[in-house]
Amino acid sequence: IILYCGGGFRSALVADNLQKMGYTNVSSMDGGYSGWVKA
């Protein structure tokens, strides 16, 4: 599971919570949607 938000801040918080729930292969996309659009 790769999570993204606007820039990679909120998705980091979500990744932390999903790991606490037992999800073992979670990451947050640094740069988020704004970085994706910029690219």
PDB file of all heavy atoms in Angstrom:
ATOM      1  N   ILE A   1       0.856  -1.178   0.000  1.00  0.00           N
ATOM      2  CA  ILE A   1       0.000   0.000   0.000  1.00  0.00           C
ATOM      3  C   ILE A   1       0.895   1.231   0.000  1.00  0.00           C
ATOM      4  O   ILE A   1       1.750   1.381   0.880  1.00  0.00           O
ATOM      5  CB  ILE A   1      -0.917   0.038   1.240  1.00  0.00           C
ATOM      6  CG1 ILE A   1      -1.783  -1.216   1.325  1.00  0.00           C
ATOM      7  CG2 ILE A   1      -1.768   1.310   1.229  1.00  0.00           C
ATOM      8  CD1 ILE A   1      -2.538  -1.363   2.643  1.00  0.00           C
ATOM      9  N   ILE A   2       0.684   2.092  -0.980  1.00  0.00           N
ATOM     10  CA  ILE A   2       1.382   3.374  -1.017  1.00  0.00           C
ATOM     11  C   ILE A   2       0.324   4.452  -0.831  1.00  0.00           C
ATOM     12  O   ILE A   2      -0.657   4.505  -1.561  1.00  0.00           O
ATOM     13  CB  ILE A   2       2.143   3.565  -2.341  1.00  0.00           C
ATOM     14  CG1 ILE A   2       3.191   2.464  -2.501  1.00  0.00           C
ATOM     15  CG2 ILE A   2       2.785   4.959  -2.384  1.00  0.00           C
ATOM     16  CD1 ILE A   2       3.884   2.446  -3.860  1.00  0.00           C
ATOM     17  N   LEU A   3       0.547   5.285   0.168  1.00  0.00           N
ATOM     18  CA  LEU A   3      -0.396   6.343   0.528  1.00  0.00           C
ATOM     19  C   LEU A   3       0.121   7.678   0.026  1.00  0.00           C
ATOM     20  O   LEU A   3       1.324   7.926   0.041  1.00  0.00           O
ATOM     21  CB  LEU A   3      -0.538   6.417   2.044  1.00  0.00           C
ATOM     22  CG  LEU A   3      -0.917   5.112   2.734  1.00  0.00           C
ATOM     23  CD1 LEU A   3      -0.568   5.179   4.210  1.00  0.00           C
ATOM     24  CD2 LEU A   3      -2.388   4.813   2.549  1.00  0.00           C
ATOM     25  N   TYR A   4      -0.790   8.537  -0.413  1.00  0.00           N
ATOM     26  CA  TYR A   4      -0.369   9.895  -0.735  1.00  0.00           C
ATOM     27  C   TYR A   4      -1.422  10.902  -0.323  1.00  0.00           C
ATOM     28  O   TYR A   4      -2.599  10.585  -0.197  1.00  0.00           O
ATOM     29  CB  TYR A   4      -0.011  10.045  -2.219  1.00  0.00           C
ATOM     30  CG  TYR A   4      -1.183  10.146  -3.172  1.00  0.00           C
ATOM     31  CD1 TYR A   4      -1.729  11.385  -3.507  1.00  0.00           C
ATOM     32  CD2 TYR A   4      -1.730   9.019  -3.768  1.00  0.00           C
ATOM     33  CE1 TYR A   4      -2.795  11.491  -4.403  1.00  0.00           C
ATOM     34  CE2 TYR A   4      -2.789   9.106  -4.653  1.00  0.00           C
ATOM     35  CZ  TYR A   4      -3.317  10.348  -4.973  1.00  0.00           C
ATOM     36  OH  TYR A   4      -4.371  10.459  -5.841  1.00  0.00           O
ATOM     37  N   CYS A   5      -0.946  12.123  -0.076  1.00  0.00           N
ATOM     38  CA  CYS A   5      -1.809  13.257   0.234  1.00  0.00           C
ATOM     39  C   CYS A   5      -1.324  14.407  -0.640  1.00  0.00           C
ATOM     40  O   CYS A   5      -0.849  14.182  -1.749  1.00  0.00           O
ATOM     41  CB  CYS A   5      -1.770  13.581   1.729  1.00  0.00           C
ATOM     42  SG  CYS A   5      -0.127  13.989   2.341  1.00  0.00           S
ATOM     43  N   GLY A   6      -1.425  15.620  -0.161  1.00  0.00           N
ATOM     44  CA  GLY A   6      -0.981  16.757  -0.958  1.00  0.00           C
ATOM     45  C   GLY A   6       0.530  16.841  -1.098  1.00  0.00           C
ATOM     46  O   GLY A   6       1.050  17.141  -2.167  1.00  0.00           O
ATOM     47  N   GLY A   7       1.245  16.548   0.006  1.00  0.00           N
ATOM     48  CA  GLY A   7       2.693  16.684  -0.030  1.00  0.00           C
ATOM     49  C   GLY A   7       3.470  15.596   0.680  1.00  0.00           C
ATOM     50  O   GLY A   7       4.688  15.571   0.610  1.00  0.00           O
ATOM     51  N   GLY A   8       2.788  14.697   1.380  1.00  0.00           N
ATOM     52  CA  GLY A   8       3.479  13.602   2.057  1.00  0.00           C
ATOM     53  C   GLY A   8       3.478  13.704   3.569  1.00  0.00           C
ATOM     54  O   GLY A   8       4.182  12.943   4.240  1.00  0.00           O
ATOM     55  N   PHE A   9       2.701  14.629   4.120  1.00  0.00           N
ATOM     56  CA  PHE A   9       2.634  14.794   5.570  1.00  0.00           C
ATOM     57  C   PHE A   9       1.491  13.973   6.168  1.00  0.00           C
ATOM     58  O   PHE A   9       1.709  13.128   7.039  1.00  0.00           O
ATOM     59  CB  PHE A   9       2.482  16.280   5.934  1.00  0.00           C
ATOM     60  CG  PHE A   9       3.667  17.110   5.529  1.00  0.00           C
ATOM     61  CD1 PHE A   9       3.737  17.674   4.262  1.00  0.00           C
ATOM     62  CD2 PHE A   9       4.720  17.317   6.405  1.00  0.00           C
ATOM     63  CE1 PHE A   9       4.826  18.442   3.895  1.00  0.00           C
ATOM     64  CE2 PHE A   9       5.824  18.086   6.048  1.00  0.00           C
ATOM     65  CZ  PHE A   9       5.882  18.657   4.776  1.00  0.00           C
ATOM     66  N   ARG A  10       0.279  14.211   5.707  1.00  0.00           N
ATOM     67  CA  ARG A  10      -0.877  13.460   6.217  1.00  0.00           C
ATOM     68  C   ARG A  10      -0.726  11.972   5.923  1.00  0.00           C
ATOM     69  O   ARG A  10      -1.081  11.124   6.748  1.00  0.00           O
ATOM     70  CB  ARG A  10      -2.183  13.988   5.601  1.00  0.00           C
ATOM     71  CG  ARG A  10      -2.553  15.392   6.058  1.00  0.00           C
ATOM     72  CD  ARG A  10      -3.730  15.951   5.287  1.00  0.00           C
ATOM     73  NE  ARG A  10      -3.342  16.303   3.922  1.00  0.00           N
ATOM     74  CZ  ARG A  10      -4.182  16.744   2.992  1.00  0.00           C
ATOM     75  NH1 ARG A  10      -5.466  16.859   3.246  1.00  0.00           N
ATOM     76  NH2 ARG A  10      -3.746  17.054   1.792  1.00  0.00           N
ATOM     77  N   SER A  11      -0.179  11.638   4.756  1.00  0.00           N
ATOM     78  CA  SER A  11      -0.010  10.218   4.408  1.00  0.00           C
ATOM     79  C   SER A  11       0.991   9.533   5.340  1.00  0.00           C
ATOM     80  O   SER A  11       0.871   8.345   5.610  1.00  0.00           O
ATOM     81  CB  SER A  11       0.395  10.061   2.945  1.00  0.00           C
ATOM     82  OG  SER A  11       1.563  10.790   2.644  1.00  0.00           O
ATOM     83  N   ALA A  12       1.962  10.267   5.859  1.00  0.00           N
ATOM     84  CA  ALA A  12       2.895   9.692   6.838  1.00  0.00           C
ATOM     85  C   ALA A  12       2.161   9.329   8.122  1.00  0.00           C
ATOM     86  O   ALA A  12       2.389   8.255   8.697  1.00  0.00           O
ATOM     87  CB  ALA A  12       4.035  10.668   7.125  1.00  0.00           C
ATOM     88  N   LEU A  13       1.255  10.202   8.553  1.00  0.00           N
ATOM     89  CA  LEU A  13       0.464   9.916   9.755  1.00  0.00           C
ATOM     90  C   LEU A  13      -0.404   8.684   9.546  1.00  0.00           C
ATOM     91  O   LEU A  13      -0.524   7.829  10.429  1.00  0.00           O
ATOM     92  CB  LEU A  13      -0.403  11.117  10.127  1.00  0.00           C
ATOM     93  CG  LEU A  13       0.349  12.393  10.521  1.00  0.00           C
ATOM     94  CD1 LEU A  13      -0.639  13.539  10.711  1.00  0.00           C
ATOM     95  CD2 LEU A  13       1.187  12.176  11.762  1.00  0.00           C
ATOM     96  N   VAL A  14      -1.015   8.570   8.368  1.00  0.00           N
ATOM     97  CA  VAL A  14      -1.865   7.418   8.066  1.00  0.00           C
ATOM     98  C   VAL A  14      -1.034   6.141   8.011  1.00  0.00           C
ATOM     99  O   VAL A  14      -1.429   5.105   8.550  1.00  0.00           O
ATOM    100  CB  VAL A  14      -2.639   7.628   6.745  1.00  0.00           C
ATOM    101  CG1 VAL A  14      -3.380   6.360   6.341  1.00  0.00           C
ATOM    102  CG2 VAL A  14      -3.606   8.799   6.860  1.00  0.00           C
ATOM    103  N   ALA A  15       0.146   6.194   7.385  1.00  0.00           N
ATOM    104  CA  ALA A  15       1.014   5.006   7.300  1.00  0.00           C
ATOM    105  C   ALA A  15       1.343   4.496   8.698  1.00  0.00           C
ATOM    106  O   ALA A  15       1.311   3.287   8.958  1.00  0.00           O
ATOM    107  CB  ALA A  15       2.288   5.340   6.526  1.00  0.00           C
ATOM    108  N   ASP A  16       1.640   5.405   9.603  1.00  0.00           N
ATOM    109  CA  ASP A  16       1.955   5.031  10.979  1.00  0.00           C
ATOM    110  C   ASP A  16       0.770   4.299  11.616  1.00  0.00           C
ATOM    111  O   ASP A  16       0.937   3.240  12.233  1.00  0.00           O
ATOM    112  CB  ASP A  16       2.314   6.299  11.760  1.00  0.00           C
ATOM    113  CG  ASP A  16       2.945   6.015  13.111  1.00  0.00           C
ATOM    114  OD1 ASP A  16       3.638   4.984  13.266  1.00  0.00           O
ATOM    115  OD2 ASP A  16       2.763   6.849  14.019  1.00  0.00           O
ATOM    116  N   ASN A  17      -0.426   4.823  11.443  1.00  0.00           N
ATOM    117  CA  ASN A  17      -1.610   4.172  12.016  1.00  0.00           C
ATOM    118  C   ASN A  17      -1.890   2.815  11.382  1.00  0.00           C
ATOM    119  O   ASN A  17      -2.255   1.860  12.086  1.00  0.00           O
ATOM    120  CB  ASN A  17      -2.838   5.073  11.897  1.00  0.00           C
ATOM    121  CG  ASN A  17      -2.928   6.045  13.052  1.00  0.00           C
ATOM    122  OD1 ASN A  17      -2.255   5.898  14.063  1.00  0.00           O
ATOM    123  ND2 ASN A  17      -3.767   7.049  12.895  1.00  0.00           N
ATOM    124  N   LEU A  18      -1.740   2.703  10.059  1.00  0.00           N
ATOM    125  CA  LEU A  18      -1.999   1.408   9.414  1.00  0.00           C
ATOM    126  C   LEU A  18      -1.009   0.355   9.899  1.00  0.00           C
ATOM    127  O   LEU A  18      -1.376  -0.806  10.078  1.00  0.00           O
ATOM    128  CB  LEU A  18      -1.972   1.537   7.889  1.00  0.00           C
ATOM    129  CG  LEU A  18      -3.096   2.363   7.274  1.00  0.00           C
ATOM    130  CD1 LEU A  18      -3.040   2.274   5.750  1.00  0.00           C
ATOM    131  CD2 LEU A  18      -4.476   1.954   7.772  1.00  0.00           C
ATOM    132  N   GLN A  19       0.232   0.754  10.128  1.00  0.00           N
ATOM    133  CA  GLN A  19       1.209  -0.186  10.680  1.00  0.00           C
ATOM    134  C   GLN A  19       0.771  -0.643  12.065  1.00  0.00           C
ATOM    135  O   GLN A  19       0.888  -1.827  12.395  1.00  0.00           O
ATOM    136  CB  GLN A  19       2.600   0.455  10.754  1.00  0.00           C
ATOM    137  CG  GLN A  19       3.253   0.573   9.398  1.00  0.00           C
ATOM    138  CD  GLN A  19       4.625   1.212   9.437  1.00  0.00           C
ATOM    139  OE1 GLN A  19       5.299   1.202   8.428  1.00  0.00           O
ATOM    140  NE2 GLN A  19       5.064   1.755  10.548  1.00  0.00           N
ATOM    141  N   LYS A  20       0.247   0.276  12.871  1.00  0.00           N
ATOM    142  CA  LYS A  20      -0.244  -0.090  14.205  1.00  0.00           C
ATOM    143  C   LYS A  20      -1.405  -1.075  14.106  1.00  0.00           C
ATOM    144  O   LYS A  20      -1.638  -1.857  15.021  1.00  0.00           O
ATOM    145  CB  LYS A  20      -0.697   1.156  14.974  1.00  0.00           C
ATOM    146  CG  LYS A  20       0.454   2.041  15.394  1.00  0.00           C
ATOM    147  CD  LYS A  20      -0.048   3.344  16.004  1.00  0.00           C
ATOM    148  CE  LYS A  20       1.102   4.285  16.306  1.00  0.00           C
ATOM    149  NZ  LYS A  20       0.624   5.623  16.722  1.00  0.00           N
ATOM    150  N   MET A  21      -2.130  -1.035  12.979  1.00  0.00           N
ATOM    151  CA  MET A  21      -3.254  -1.947  12.752  1.00  0.00           C
ATOM    152  C   MET A  21      -2.819  -3.282  12.156  1.00  0.00           C
ATOM    153  O   MET A  21      -3.640  -4.143  11.885  1.00  0.00           O
ATOM    154  CB  MET A  21      -4.275  -1.286  11.821  1.00  0.00           C
ATOM    155  CG  MET A  21      -4.971  -0.090  12.440  1.00  0.00           C
ATOM    156  SD  MET A  21      -6.086   0.714  11.263  1.00  0.00           S
ATOM    157  CE  MET A  21      -7.381  -0.528  11.089  1.00  0.00           C
ATOM    158  N   GLY A  22      -1.512  -3.452  11.915  1.00  0.00           N
ATOM    159  CA  GLY A  22      -1.007  -4.728  11.423  1.00  0.00           C
ATOM    160  C   GLY A  22      -0.676  -4.781   9.944  1.00  0.00           C
ATOM    161  O   GLY A  22      -0.291  -5.832   9.430  1.00  0.00           O
ATOM    162  N   TYR A  23      -0.826  -3.672   9.228  1.00  0.00           N
ATOM    163  CA  TYR A  23      -0.422  -3.640   7.817  1.00  0.00           C
ATOM    164  C   TYR A  23       1.099  -3.544   7.758  1.00  0.00           C
ATOM    165  O   TYR A  23       1.708  -2.687   8.395  1.00  0.00           O
ATOM    166  CB  TYR A  23      -1.098  -2.476   7.079  1.00  0.00           C
ATOM    167  CG  TYR A  23      -2.563  -2.759   6.818  1.00  0.00           C
ATOM    168  CD1 TYR A  23      -3.529  -2.499   7.788  1.00  0.00           C
ATOM    169  CD2 TYR A  23      -2.977  -3.330   5.618  1.00  0.00           C
ATOM    170  CE1 TYR A  23      -4.863  -2.788   7.567  1.00  0.00           C
ATOM    171  CE2 TYR A  23      -4.312  -3.628   5.387  1.00  0.00           C
ATOM    172  CZ  TYR A  23      -5.247  -3.351   6.375  1.00  0.00           C
ATOM    173  OH  TYR A  23      -6.567  -3.656   6.145  1.00  0.00           O
ATOM    174  N   THR A  24       1.704  -4.471   7.023  1.00  0.00           N
ATOM    175  CA  THR A  24       3.157  -4.636   7.105  1.00  0.00           C
ATOM    176  C   THR A  24       3.928  -4.084   5.906  1.00  0.00           C
ATOM    177  O   THR A  24       5.154  -4.071   5.932  1.00  0.00           O
ATOM    178  CB  THR A  24       3.504  -6.135   7.243  1.00  0.00           C
ATOM    179  OG1 THR A  24       2.969  -6.839   6.109  1.00  0.00           O
ATOM    180  CG2 THR A  24       2.932  -6.711   8.537  1.00  0.00           C
ATOM    181  N   ASN A  25       3.226  -3.656   4.859  1.00  0.00           N
ATOM    182  CA  ASN A  25       3.922  -3.219   3.644  1.00  0.00           C
ATOM    183  C   ASN A  25       3.349  -1.873   3.182  1.00  0.00           C
ATOM    184  O   ASN A  25       2.848  -1.742   2.076  1.00  0.00           O
ATOM    185  CB  ASN A  25       3.773  -4.294   2.564  1.00  0.00           C
ATOM    186  CG  ASN A  25       4.728  -4.085   1.406  1.00  0.00           C
ATOM    187  OD1 ASN A  25       5.553  -3.173   1.399  1.00  0.00           O
ATOM    188  ND2 ASN A  25       4.600  -4.922   0.397  1.00  0.00           N
ATOM    189  N   VAL A  26       3.414  -0.891   4.085  1.00  0.00           N
ATOM    190  CA  VAL A  26       2.822   0.423   3.851  1.00  0.00           C
ATOM    191  C   VAL A  26       3.931   1.449   3.711  1.00  0.00           C
ATOM    192  O   VAL A  26       4.911   1.414   4.446  1.00  0.00           O
ATOM    193  CB  VAL A  26       1.928   0.826   5.048  1.00  0.00           C
ATOM    194  CG1 VAL A  26       1.303   2.194   4.824  1.00  0.00           C
ATOM    195  CG2 VAL A  26       0.862  -0.209   5.300  1.00  0.00           C
ATOM    196  N   SER A  27       3.757   2.368   2.770  1.00  0.00           N
ATOM    197  CA  SER A  27       4.685   3.496   2.678  1.00  0.00           C
ATOM    198  C   SER A  27       3.924   4.759   2.304  1.00  0.00           C
ATOM    199  O   SER A  27       2.801   4.705   1.799  1.00  0.00           O
ATOM    200  CB  SER A  27       5.814   3.219   1.681  1.00  0.00           C
ATOM    201  OG  SER A  27       5.307   2.970   0.401  1.00  0.00           O
ATOM    202  N   SER A  28       4.564   5.880   2.552  1.00  0.00           N
ATOM    203  CA  SER A  28       4.015   7.197   2.250  1.00  0.00           C
ATOM    204  C   SER A  28       4.816   7.790   1.096  1.00  0.00           C
ATOM    205  O   SER A  28       6.042   7.708   1.088  1.00  0.00           O
ATOM    206  CB  SER A  28       4.134   8.084   3.496  1.00  0.00           C
ATOM    207  OG  SER A  28       3.812   9.424   3.195  1.00  0.00           O
ATOM    208  N   MET A  29       4.115   8.383   0.128  1.00  0.00           N
ATOM    209  CA  MET A  29       4.789   8.971  -1.033  1.00  0.00           C
ATOM    210  C   MET A  29       5.172  10.414  -0.730  1.00  0.00           C
ATOM    211  O   MET A  29       4.320  11.301  -0.693  1.00  0.00           O
ATOM    212  CB  MET A  29       3.902   8.902  -2.276  1.00  0.00           C
ATOM    213  CG  MET A  29       4.601   9.397  -3.532  1.00  0.00           C
ATOM    214  SD  MET A  29       3.613   9.183  -5.037  1.00  0.00           S
ATOM    215  CE  MET A  29       2.510  10.605  -4.923  1.00  0.00           C
ATOM    216  N   ASP A  30       6.455  10.633  -0.505  1.00  0.00           N
ATOM    217  CA  ASP A  30       6.964  11.978  -0.266  1.00  0.00           C
ATOM    218  C   ASP A  30       6.755  12.815  -1.532  1.00  0.00           C
ATOM    219  O   ASP A  30       6.971  12.333  -2.637  1.00  0.00           O
ATOM    220  CB  ASP A  30       8.453  11.907   0.091  1.00  0.00           C
ATOM    221  CG  ASP A  30       8.996  13.251   0.532  1.00  0.00           C
ATOM    222  OD1 ASP A  30       8.322  13.925   1.322  1.00  0.00           O
ATOM    223  OD2 ASP A  30      10.090  13.616   0.066  1.00  0.00           O
ATOM    224  N   GLY A  31       6.312  14.034  -1.361  1.00  0.00           N
ATOM    225  CA  GLY A  31       6.007  14.900  -2.502  1.00  0.00           C
ATOM    226  C   GLY A  31       4.531  14.922  -2.823  1.00  0.00           C
ATOM    227  O   GLY A  31       4.015  15.909  -3.324  1.00  0.00           O
ATOM    228  N   GLY A  32       3.845  13.805  -2.540  1.00  0.00           N
ATOM    229  CA  GLY A  32       2.403  13.725  -2.690  1.00  0.00           C
ATOM    230  C   GLY A  32       1.877  14.099  -4.065  1.00  0.00           C
ATOM    231  O   GLY A  32       2.591  14.051  -5.068  1.00  0.00           O
ATOM    232  N   TYR A  33       0.606  14.467  -4.070  1.00  0.00           N
ATOM    233  CA  TYR A  33      -0.068  14.805  -5.326  1.00  0.00           C
ATOM    234  C   TYR A  33       0.589  16.002  -5.996  1.00  0.00           C
ATOM    235  O   TYR A  33       0.752  16.017  -7.216  1.00  0.00           O
ATOM    236  CB  TYR A  33      -1.553  15.081  -5.056  1.00  0.00           C
ATOM    237  CG  TYR A  33      -2.355  15.340  -6.321  1.00  0.00           C
ATOM    238  CD1 TYR A  33      -2.630  14.301  -7.205  1.00  0.00           C
ATOM    239  CD2 TYR A  33      -2.820  16.609  -6.633  1.00  0.00           C
ATOM    240  CE1 TYR A  33      -3.363  14.519  -8.362  1.00  0.00           C
ATOM    241  CE2 TYR A  33      -3.559  16.842  -7.785  1.00  0.00           C
ATOM    242  CZ  TYR A  33      -3.821  15.801  -8.653  1.00  0.00           C
ATOM    243  OH  TYR A  33      -4.534  16.024  -9.792  1.00  0.00           O
ATOM    244  N   SER A  34       1.005  16.982  -5.219  1.00  0.00           N
ATOM    245  CA  SER A  34       1.622  18.170  -5.825  1.00  0.00           C
ATOM    246  C   SER A  34       2.916  17.803  -6.554  1.00  0.00           C
ATOM    247  O   SER A  34       3.179  18.308  -7.641  1.00  0.00           O
ATOM    248  CB  SER A  34       1.853  19.265  -4.786  1.00  0.00           C
ATOM    249  OG  SER A  34       2.689  18.805  -3.746  1.00  0.00           O
ATOM    250  N   GLY A  35       3.699  16.891  -5.979  1.00  0.00           N
ATOM    251  CA  GLY A  35       4.921  16.441  -6.646  1.00  0.00           C
ATOM    252  C   GLY A  35       4.631  15.649  -7.908  1.00  0.00           C
ATOM    253  O   GLY A  35       5.356  15.744  -8.907  1.00  0.00           O
ATOM    254  N   TRP A  36       3.563  14.859  -7.868  1.00  0.00           N
ATOM    255  CA  TRP A  36       3.145  14.061  -9.029  1.00  0.00           C
ATOM    256  C   TRP A  36       2.754  14.979 -10.185  1.00  0.00           C
ATOM    257  O   TRP A  36       3.175  14.777 -11.319  1.00  0.00           O
ATOM    258  CB  TRP A  36       1.980  13.160  -8.618  1.00  0.00           C
ATOM    259  CG  TRP A  36       1.558  12.162  -9.646  1.00  0.00           C
ATOM    260  CD1 TRP A  36       0.629  12.342 -10.627  1.00  0.00           C
ATOM    261  CD2 TRP A  36       2.041  10.828  -9.806  1.00  0.00           C
ATOM    262  NE1 TRP A  36       0.490  11.202 -11.369  1.00  0.00           N
ATOM    263  CE2 TRP A  36       1.343  10.251 -10.892  1.00  0.00           C
ATOM    264  CE3 TRP A  36       2.979  10.060  -9.126  1.00  0.00           C
ATOM    265  CZ2 TRP A  36       1.571   8.951 -11.317  1.00  0.00           C
ATOM    266  CZ3 TRP A  36       3.205   8.754  -9.537  1.00  0.00           C
ATOM    267  CH2 TRP A  36       2.500   8.205 -10.635  1.00  0.00           C
ATOM    268  N   VAL A  37       1.940  15.985  -9.874  1.00  0.00           N
ATOM    269  CA  VAL A  37       1.482  16.940 -10.894  1.00  0.00           C
ATOM    270  C   VAL A  37       2.676  17.727 -11.459  1.00  0.00           C
ATOM    271  O   VAL A  37       2.802  17.894 -12.666  1.00  0.00           O
ATOM    272  CB  VAL A  37       0.427  17.912 -10.306  1.00  0.00           C
ATOM    273  CG1 VAL A  37       0.126  19.055 -11.247  1.00  0.00           C
ATOM    274  CG2 VAL A  37      -0.847  17.140  -9.974  1.00  0.00           C
ATOM    275  N   LYS A  38       3.560  18.161 -10.576  1.00  0.00           N
ATOM    276  CA  LYS A  38       4.740  18.921 -10.974  1.00  0.00           C
ATOM    277  C   LYS A  38       5.612  18.121 -11.943  1.00  0.00           C
ATOM    278  O   LYS A  38       6.206  18.673 -12.856  1.00  0.00           O
ATOM    279  CB  LYS A  38       5.544  19.291  -9.730  1.00  0.00           C
ATOM    280  CG  LYS A  38       6.573  20.362  -9.928  1.00  0.00           C
ATOM    281  CD  LYS A  38       7.161  20.745  -8.571  1.00  0.00           C
ATOM    282  CE  LYS A  38       8.087  21.922  -8.696  1.00  0.00           C
ATOM    283  NZ  LYS A  38       8.653  22.294  -7.395  1.00  0.00           N
ATOM    284  N   ALA A  39       5.657  16.780 -11.736  1.00  0.00           N
ATOM    285  CA  ALA A  39       6.437  15.908 -12.613  1.00  0.00           C
ATOM    286  C   ALA A  39       5.746  15.656 -13.961  1.00  0.00           C
ATOM    287  O   ALA A  39       6.331  15.072 -14.866  1.00  0.00           O
ATOM    288  CB  ALA A  39       6.708  14.582 -11.912  1.00  0.00           C
TER     289      ALA A  39
END
